[in-house]
């Protein structure tokens, strides 16, 4: 993905805080959708635990969709609710 210089710095900064390529790609898409500027100033390190939980849920949700894509008659949303709200 080709990014402007300021966004490259933000990308590297997020990597230095333990976010991987997948996480950062999801964040970039989310910020673009929400029309938030993707720059270091847009982040608060104190919010990283919540952001990590959001990304974990997003990743697991995609994985569950992938696992259940060929299973007929299964309500994917119901399965996700059962898994997330133990």
Protein backbone atom coordinates (compact mmCIF):
# COMPACT_ATOMS: atom_id res chain seq x y z
CA UNK A 1 0.00 0.00 0.00
CA UNK A 2 1.46 3.33 -1.05
CA UNK A 3 1.21 5.93 1.70
CA UNK A 4 2.19 9.59 1.96
CA UNK A 5 5.20 10.35 4.18
CA UNK A 6 3.16 11.39 7.25
CA UNK A 7 1.16 8.17 7.03
CA UNK A 8 4.35 6.12 6.65
CA UNK A 9 5.60 7.63 9.91
CA UNK A 10 2.29 6.77 11.57
CA UNK A 11 2.50 3.23 10.22
CA UNK A 12 6.02 2.79 11.63
CA UNK A 13 4.93 4.35 14.94
CA UNK A 14 2.04 1.88 15.24
CA UNK A 15 4.41 -1.00 14.42
CA UNK A 16 6.70 0.18 17.21
CA UNK A 17 3.71 -0.12 19.55
CA UNK A 18 3.12 -3.76 18.59
CA UNK A 19 0.53 -3.50 15.84
CA UNK A 20 1.09 -5.77 12.83
CA UNK A 21 0.36 -5.27 9.13
CA UNK A 22 -3.16 -6.69 9.38
CA UNK A 23 -4.03 -4.46 12.35
CA UNK A 24 -2.70 -1.32 10.71
CA UNK A 25 -4.50 -2.09 7.45
CA UNK A 26 -7.80 -2.41 9.35
CA UNK A 27 -7.09 0.86 11.20
CA UNK A 28 -6.30 2.69 7.94
CA UNK A 29 -9.55 1.47 6.35
CA UNK A 30 -11.55 2.39 9.46
CA UNK A 31 -10.04 5.88 9.65
CA UNK A 32 -10.66 6.42 5.94
CA UNK A 33 -14.29 5.30 6.32
CA UNK A 34 -14.79 7.56 9.36
CA UNK A 35 -12.93 10.41 7.61
CA UNK A 36 -10.33 10.63 10.37
CA UNK A 37 -6.85 11.75 9.42
CA UNK A 38 -4.41 8.84 9.74
CA UNK A 39 -1.58 10.49 11.64
CA UNK A 40 0.14 10.06 15.00
CA UNK A 41 -1.84 12.94 16.50
CA UNK A 42 -5.07 11.00 15.86
CA UNK A 43 -4.06 8.33 18.38
CA UNK A 44 -3.93 8.22 22.15
CA UNK A 45 -1.67 5.50 23.55
CA UNK A 46 -4.10 5.12 26.47
CA UNK A 47 -6.75 3.94 23.99
CA UNK A 48 -4.55 1.15 22.59
CA UNK A 49 -6.01 -1.60 24.85
CA UNK A 50 -9.51 -0.82 23.54
CA UNK A 51 -8.20 -0.63 19.98
CA UNK A 52 -6.50 -4.02 20.38
CA UNK A 53 -9.74 -5.57 21.67
CA UNK A 54 -11.61 -4.12 18.69
CA UNK A 55 -9.00 -5.52 16.28
CA UNK A 56 -9.04 -8.94 17.96
CA UNK A 57 -12.81 -9.09 17.69
CA UNK A 58 -12.65 -7.96 14.04
CA UNK A 59 -10.01 -10.60 13.26
CA UNK A 60 -11.90 -13.38 15.04
CA UNK A 61 -15.14 -12.35 13.36
CA UNK A 62 -13.54 -12.62 9.91
CA UNK A 63 -12.07 -16.00 10.82
CA UNK A 64 -15.44 -17.29 12.03
CA UNK A 65 -17.05 -16.09 8.79
CA UNK A 66 -14.36 -17.95 6.86
CA UNK A 67 -14.84 -21.15 8.85
CA UNK A 68 -18.62 -21.12 8.53
CA UNK A 69 -18.91 -19.91 4.93
CA UNK A 70 -19.84 -23.35 3.53
CA UNK A 71 -21.98 -24.53 6.44
CA UNK A 72 -25.63 -24.39 5.51
CA UNK A 73 -28.28 -23.34 8.04
CA UNK A 74 -25.93 -21.78 10.58
CA UNK A 75 -26.61 -18.26 11.84
CA UNK A 76 -23.10 -16.74 11.90
CA UNK A 77 -24.21 -13.81 14.03
CA UNK A 78 -25.71 -16.15 16.62
CA UNK A 79 -22.47 -18.15 16.74
CA UNK A 80 -20.47 -14.93 17.24
CA UNK A 81 -22.80 -13.77 20.03
CA UNK A 82 -22.44 -17.15 21.75
CA UNK A 83 -18.64 -17.00 21.51
CA UNK A 84 -18.23 -13.37 22.57
CA UNK A 85 -20.78 -13.36 25.39
CA UNK A 86 -19.82 -16.62 27.05
